[in-house]
Amino acid sequence: MPRRHESPRVVRVVGGLLAMVWLCAGLVAIIAGLVAQRWLLLVVGLVALWYGVIWAHAAAQGRRLTPREALTPWRLRRR
């Protein structure tokens, strides 16, 4: 779907839902990795948390992020 047809409200809702799912999955994976003492599961949990942060940032912005913004969500774009 071209960007000009995207509603900021839809991007915020979908982004927020995806952020919640990825953040919860990341936390569960980290806890399971700690309990089972599996380092690979810990790494997967950290990656899931990072992806959740990216989606949370997209939801806060109300638009899709550029690849650079997705890789560095702590940098705010100044307009």
C-alpha atoms as a PDB file:
ATOM      1  CA  MET A   1       0.000   0.000   0.000  1.00  0.00           C
ATOM      2  CA  PRO A   2       1.472   3.356  -0.938  1.00  0.00           C
ATOM      3  CA  ARG A   3       2.323   5.620   1.963  1.00  0.00           C
ATOM      4  CA  ARG A   4      -0.053   8.355   0.866  1.00  0.00           C
ATOM      5  CA  HIS A   5      -3.029   6.037   1.526  1.00  0.00           C
ATOM      6  CA  GLU A   6      -1.947   5.040   5.032  1.00  0.00           C
ATOM      7  CA  SER A   7      -3.900   6.426   7.921  1.00  0.00           C
ATOM      8  CA  PRO A   8      -1.776   7.506  10.891  1.00  0.00           C
ATOM      9  CA  ARG A   9      -4.432   6.060  13.189  1.00  0.00           C
ATOM     10  CA  VAL A  10      -4.198   2.625  11.565  1.00  0.00           C
ATOM     11  CA  VAL A  11      -0.404   2.720  11.712  1.00  0.00           C
ATOM     12  CA  ARG A  12      -0.574   3.625  15.406  1.00  0.00           C
ATOM     13  CA  VAL A  13      -3.042   0.852  16.271  1.00  0.00           C
ATOM     14  CA  VAL A  14      -1.301  -1.875  14.287  1.00  0.00           C
ATOM     15  CA  GLY A  15       2.129  -0.701  15.416  1.00  0.00           C
ATOM     16  CA  GLY A  16       1.014  -0.647  19.034  1.00  0.00           C
ATOM     17  CA  LEU A  17      -0.415  -4.160  18.815  1.00  0.00           C
ATOM     18  CA  LEU A  18       2.700  -5.502  17.133  1.00  0.00           C
ATOM     19  CA  ALA A  19       4.905  -3.773  19.694  1.00  0.00           C
ATOM     20  CA  MET A  20       2.938  -5.339  22.532  1.00  0.00           C
ATOM     21  CA  VAL A  21       3.167  -8.821  21.001  1.00  0.00           C
ATOM     22  CA  TRP A  22       6.914  -8.590  20.309  1.00  0.00           C
ATOM     23  CA  LEU A  23       7.729  -7.102  23.710  1.00  0.00           C
ATOM     24  CA  CYS A  24       5.741  -9.790  25.531  1.00  0.00           C
ATOM     25  CA  ALA A  25       7.268 -12.554  23.407  1.00  0.00           C
ATOM     26  CA  GLY A  26      10.731 -11.168  24.086  1.00  0.00           C
ATOM     27  CA  LEU A  27      10.163 -11.095  27.825  1.00  0.00           C
ATOM     28  CA  VAL A  28       8.798 -14.648  27.818  1.00  0.00           C
ATOM     29  CA  ALA A  29      11.768 -15.863  25.769  1.00  0.00           C
ATOM     30  CA  ILE A  30      14.243 -14.175  28.109  1.00  0.00           C
ATOM     31  CA  ILE A  31      12.587 -15.657  31.195  1.00  0.00           C
ATOM     32  CA  ALA A  32      12.448 -19.097  29.581  1.00  0.00           C
ATOM     33  CA  GLY A  33      16.091 -18.784  28.550  1.00  0.00           C
ATOM     34  CA  LEU A  34      17.108 -17.883  32.081  1.00  0.00           C
ATOM     35  CA  VAL A  35      15.125 -20.754  33.608  1.00  0.00           C
ATOM     36  CA  ALA A  36      16.322 -23.314  31.048  1.00  0.00           C
ATOM     37  CA  GLN A  37      19.826 -21.818  30.930  1.00  0.00           C
ATOM     38  CA  ARG A  38      19.763 -21.584  27.130  1.00  0.00           C
ATOM     39  CA  TRP A  39      21.823 -18.687  25.784  1.00  0.00           C
ATOM     40  CA  LEU A  40      20.310 -18.904  22.294  1.00  0.00           C
ATOM     41  CA  LEU A  41      16.837 -18.380  23.723  1.00  0.00           C
ATOM     42  CA  LEU A  42      18.146 -15.319  25.564  1.00  0.00           C
ATOM     43  CA  VAL A  43      19.518 -13.901  22.304  1.00  0.00           C
ATOM     44  CA  VAL A  44      16.209 -14.537  20.542  1.00  0.00           C
ATOM     45  CA  GLY A  45      14.418 -12.782  23.407  1.00  0.00           C
ATOM     46  CA  LEU A  46      16.681  -9.756  23.132  1.00  0.00           C
ATOM     47  CA  VAL A  47      16.114  -9.556  19.381  1.00  0.00           C
ATOM     48  CA  ALA A  48      12.351  -9.783  19.938  1.00  0.00           C
ATOM     49  CA  LEU A  49      12.558  -6.977  22.498  1.00  0.00           C
ATOM     50  CA  TRP A  50      14.506  -4.834  20.037  1.00  0.00           C
ATOM     51  CA  TYR A  51      11.898  -5.480  17.339  1.00  0.00           C
ATOM     52  CA  GLY A  52       9.170  -4.534  19.819  1.00  0.00           C
ATOM     53  CA  VAL A  53      10.938  -1.251  20.549  1.00  0.00           C
ATOM     54  CA  ILE A  54      11.089  -0.537  16.817  1.00  0.00           C
ATOM     55  CA  TRP A  55       7.339  -1.138  16.482  1.00  0.00           C
ATOM     56  CA  ALA A  56       6.628   0.996  19.544  1.00  0.00           C
ATOM     57  CA  HIS A  57       8.613   3.804  17.953  1.00  0.00           C
ATOM     58  CA  ALA A  58       6.654   3.400  14.697  1.00  0.00           C
ATOM     59  CA  ALA A  59       3.394   3.560  16.644  1.00  0.00           C
ATOM     60  CA  ALA A  60       4.535   6.693  18.448  1.00  0.00           C
ATOM     61  CA  GLN A  61       5.487   8.347  15.149  1.00  0.00           C
ATOM     62  CA  GLY A  62       2.266   7.272  13.421  1.00  0.00           C
ATOM     63  CA  ARG A  63       4.075   6.300  10.237  1.00  0.00           C
ATOM     64  CA  ARG A  64       6.356   3.646   8.828  1.00  0.00           C
ATOM     65  CA  LEU A  65       9.989   4.149   9.714  1.00  0.00           C
ATOM     66  CA  THR A  66      12.888   4.449   7.339  1.00  0.00           C
ATOM     67  CA  PRO A  67      15.541   1.708   7.638  1.00  0.00           C
ATOM     68  CA  ARG A  68      17.891   4.133   9.390  1.00  0.00           C
ATOM     69  CA  GLU A  69      15.222   5.096  11.941  1.00  0.00           C
ATOM     70  CA  ALA A  70      14.410   1.430  12.523  1.00  0.00           C
ATOM     71  CA  LEU A  71      18.031   0.583  13.287  1.00  0.00           C
ATOM     72  CA  THR A  72      18.433   3.536  15.669  1.00  0.00           C
ATOM     73  CA  PRO A  73      15.033   4.138  17.308  1.00  0.00           C
ATOM     74  CA  TRP A  74      16.586   6.236  20.090  1.00  0.00           C
ATOM     75  CA  ARG A  75      17.427   8.994  17.608  1.00  0.00           C
ATOM     76  CA  LEU A  76      14.492  11.281  17.109  1.00  0.00           C
ATOM     77  CA  ARG A  77      13.901  12.796  13.731  1.00  0.00           C
ATOM     78  CA  ARG A  78      13.751  16.554  14.013  1.00  0.00           C
ATOM     79  CA  ARG A  79      11.408  18.355  11.672  1.00  0.00           C
END
